[in-house]
C-alpha atoms as a PDB file:
ATOM      1  CA  MET A   1      73.244  87.308 143.060  1.00  0.00           C
ATOM      2  CA  SER A   2      72.524  90.781 144.379  1.00  0.00           C
ATOM      3  CA  GLU A   3      70.716  89.231 147.366  1.00  0.00           C
ATOM      4  CA  MET A   4      73.659  86.927 148.096  1.00  0.00           C
ATOM      5  CA  MET A   5      76.010  89.925 148.069  1.00  0.00           C
ATOM      6  CA  GLU A   6      73.958  92.064 150.470  1.00  0.00           C
ATOM      7  CA  SER A   7      75.773  90.931 153.618  1.00  0.00           C
ATOM      8  CA  LEU A   8      79.397  91.259 152.572  1.00  0.00           C
ATOM      9  CA  GLU A   9      79.216  93.329 149.339  1.00  0.00           C
ATOM     10  CA  SER A  10      82.564  92.330 147.777  1.00  0.00           C
ATOM     11  CA  TYR A  11      82.302  88.539 148.041  1.00  0.00           C
ATOM     12  CA  VAL A  12      79.805  85.790 148.856  1.00  0.00           C
ATOM     13  CA  LYS A  13      80.182  82.988 151.381  1.00  0.00           C
ATOM     14  CA  ILE A  14      79.069  79.724 149.816  1.00  0.00           C
ATOM     15  CA  ALA A  15      78.742  76.043 150.632  1.00  0.00           C
ATOM     16  CA  VAL A  16      79.126  73.653 147.717  1.00  0.00           C
ATOM     17  CA  ASP A  17      77.759  70.118 147.471  1.00  0.00           C
ATOM     18  CA  ILE A  18      80.301  68.361 145.263  1.00  0.00           C
ATOM     19  CA  GLU A  19      78.059  65.338 144.619  1.00  0.00           C
ATOM     20  CA  LYS A  20      74.815  67.143 143.783  1.00  0.00           C
ATOM     21  CA  LYS A  21      76.779  69.917 142.023  1.00  0.00           C
ATOM     22  CA  THR A  22      74.821  72.641 143.733  1.00  0.00           C
ATOM     23  CA  LEU A  23      75.520  75.438 146.187  1.00  0.00           C
ATOM     24  CA  ALA A  24      73.946  77.815 148.656  1.00  0.00           C
ATOM     25  CA  GLY A  25      75.293  81.298 149.217  1.00  0.00           C
ATOM     26  CA  GLY A  26      74.886  84.560 151.059  1.00  0.00           C
ATOM     27  CA  GLY A  27      74.839  85.648 154.663  1.00  0.00           C
ATOM     28  CA  THR A  28      77.755  85.981 157.026  1.00  0.00           C
ATOM     29  CA  LEU A  29      78.504  82.329 157.900  1.00  0.00           C
ATOM     30  CA  HIS A  30      79.374  79.350 155.735  1.00  0.00           C
ATOM     31  CA  ALA A  31      77.485  77.262 158.292  1.00  0.00           C
ATOM     32  CA  ASP A  32      74.231  79.000 157.318  1.00  0.00           C
ATOM     33  CA  CYS A  33      74.778  78.021 153.688  1.00  0.00           C
ATOM     34  CA  GLU A  34      75.681  74.498 154.773  1.00  0.00           C
ATOM     35  CA  SER A  35      72.411  74.272 156.754  1.00  0.00           C
ATOM     36  CA  VAL A  36      70.387  75.142 153.666  1.00  0.00           C
ATOM     37  CA  LEU A  37      72.039  72.337 151.710  1.00  0.00           C
ATOM     38  CA  LEU A  38      71.550  69.854 154.560  1.00  0.00           C
ATOM     39  CA  GLU A  39      67.864  70.796 154.794  1.00  0.00           C
ATOM     40  CA  ASN A  40      67.585  70.018 151.090  1.00  0.00           C
ATOM     41  CA  GLY A  41      69.033  66.527 151.283  1.00  0.00           C
ATOM     42  CA  SER A  42      72.772  67.049 150.985  1.00  0.00           C
ATOM     43  CA  ILE A  43      75.153  64.905 153.043  1.00  0.00           C
ATOM     44  CA  GLN A  44      77.676  66.605 155.340  1.00  0.00           C
ATOM     45  CA  ARG A  45      80.766  64.912 153.847  1.00  0.00           C
ATOM     46  CA  ASP A  46      79.880  66.290 150.392  1.00  0.00           C
ATOM     47  CA  ILE A  47      79.611  69.952 151.485  1.00  0.00           C
ATOM     48  CA  TRP A  48      82.615  72.282 151.452  1.00  0.00           C
ATOM     49  CA  GLY A  49      82.887  75.968 152.288  1.00  0.00           C
ATOM     50  CA  ALA A  50      84.312  78.557 149.933  1.00  0.00           C
ATOM     51  CA  ASP A  51      84.011  82.202 148.981  1.00  0.00           C
ATOM     52  CA  TRP A  52      83.024  83.562 145.589  1.00  0.00           C
ATOM     53  CA  ILE A  53      84.589  86.850 144.529  1.00  0.00           C
ATOM     54  CA  PRO A  54      82.390  87.795 141.595  1.00  0.00           C
ATOM     55  CA  PHE A  55      84.301  90.808 140.325  1.00  0.00           C
ATOM     56  CA  LEU A  56      87.444  88.674 139.981  1.00  0.00           C
ATOM     57  CA  ASN A  57      85.579  85.550 138.873  1.00  0.00           C
ATOM     58  CA  ALA A  58      87.556  83.745 141.587  1.00  0.00           C
ATOM     59  CA  VAL A  59      86.996  81.143 144.305  1.00  0.00           C
ATOM     60  CA  THR A  60      88.802  80.919 147.631  1.00  0.00           C
ATOM     61  CA  TYR A  61      88.656  77.772 149.745  1.00  0.00           C
ATOM     62  CA  GLU A  62      88.788  78.777 153.407  1.00  0.00           C
ATOM     63  CA  SER A  63      86.012  78.064 155.898  1.00  0.00           C
ATOM     64  CA  LEU A  64      85.552  76.666 159.387  1.00  0.00           C
ATOM     65  CA  ILE A  65      83.244  73.986 157.977  1.00  0.00           C
ATOM     66  CA  ASN A  66      86.224  72.570 156.069  1.00  0.00           C
ATOM     67  CA  ILE A  67      88.046  71.384 159.194  1.00  0.00           C
ATOM     68  CA  ARG A  68      87.495  67.642 158.841  1.00  0.00           C
ATOM     69  CA  PRO A  69      90.142  65.346 160.249  1.00  0.00           C
ATOM     70  CA  SER A  70      87.972  62.344 159.300  1.00  0.00           C
ATOM     71  CA  GLN A  71      88.354  63.401 155.647  1.00  0.00           C
ATOM     72  CA  GLN A  72      92.044  64.258 155.967  1.00  0.00           C
ATOM     73  CA  ASN A  73      91.400  68.026 155.859  1.00  0.00           C
ATOM     74  CA  PHE A  74      92.981  69.403 159.021  1.00  0.00           C
ATOM     75  CA  THR A  75      92.720  73.152 158.369  1.00  0.00           C
ATOM     76  CA  MET A  76      90.130  75.678 157.246  1.00  0.00           C
ATOM     77  CA  GLU A  77      91.577  75.609 153.730  1.00  0.00           C
ATOM     78  CA  VAL A  78      90.566  72.815 151.345  1.00  0.00           C
ATOM     79  CA  ALA A  79      93.877  70.999 150.919  1.00  0.00           C
ATOM     80  CA  ASP A  80      93.132  68.472 148.166  1.00  0.00           C
ATOM     81  CA  PRO A  81      93.768  70.024 144.714  1.00  0.00           C
ATOM     82  CA  ASP A  82      91.271  67.666 143.044  1.00  0.00           C
ATOM     83  CA  LEU A  83      88.574  68.687 145.509  1.00  0.00           C
ATOM     84  CA  ARG A  84      89.401  72.359 144.933  1.00  0.00           C
ATOM     85  CA  ASN A  85      89.024  71.808 141.185  1.00  0.00           C
ATOM     86  CA  LYS A  86      85.604  70.190 141.695  1.00  0.00           C
ATOM     87  CA  ILE A  87      84.466  73.090 143.869  1.00  0.00           C
ATOM     88  CA  GLU A  88      85.741  75.669 141.391  1.00  0.00           C
ATOM     89  CA  LYS A  89      84.055  73.967 138.433  1.00  0.00           C
ATOM     90  CA  ILE A  90      80.684  73.869 140.213  1.00  0.00           C
ATOM     91  CA  VAL A  91      80.959  77.510 141.297  1.00  0.00           C
ATOM     92  CA  LEU A  92      82.001  78.706 137.840  1.00  0.00           C
ATOM     93  CA  ASP A  93      79.272  76.653 136.157  1.00  0.00           C
ATOM     94  CA  LEU A  94      76.607  78.102 138.451  1.00  0.00           C
ATOM     95  CA  LEU A  95      77.851  81.645 139.082  1.00  0.00           C
ATOM     96  CA  GLY A  96      80.545  82.422 136.522  1.00  0.00           C
ATOM     97  CA  GLY A  97      78.263  83.716 133.807  1.00  0.00           C
ATOM     98  CA  VAL A  98      76.544  86.487 135.778  1.00  0.00           C
ATOM     99  CA  ASP A  99      76.991  90.066 134.545  1.00  0.00           C
ATOM    100  CA  TYR A 100      78.199  91.756 137.742  1.00  0.00           C
ATOM    101  CA  GLU A 101      78.316  95.234 136.259  1.00  0.00           C
ATOM    102  CA  GLU A 102      74.520  95.275 136.545  1.00  0.00           C
ATOM    103  CA  LEU A 103      74.634  94.751 140.329  1.00  0.00           C
END
């Protein structure tokens, strides 16, 4: 986690694969995280961008990679509440139990 937070310090850019229930994080662009997932066999339509704010244990859902008219998502923000819930569950399952006071 400390490596993922190096670039931005207060939050982490992440890309979440909602089918494989995995994520990649860190760096300054969601697209970089997305590339890592694609290189590891994820499919574009399953990957969504978000931010993880560890000190608040919170997820935000805004990223350029989320603009997908073909999937009825016309803005940077993930619009579908069910999709947001899936993303949040994956992020909390994978990152929610980290003790951030040690960072």
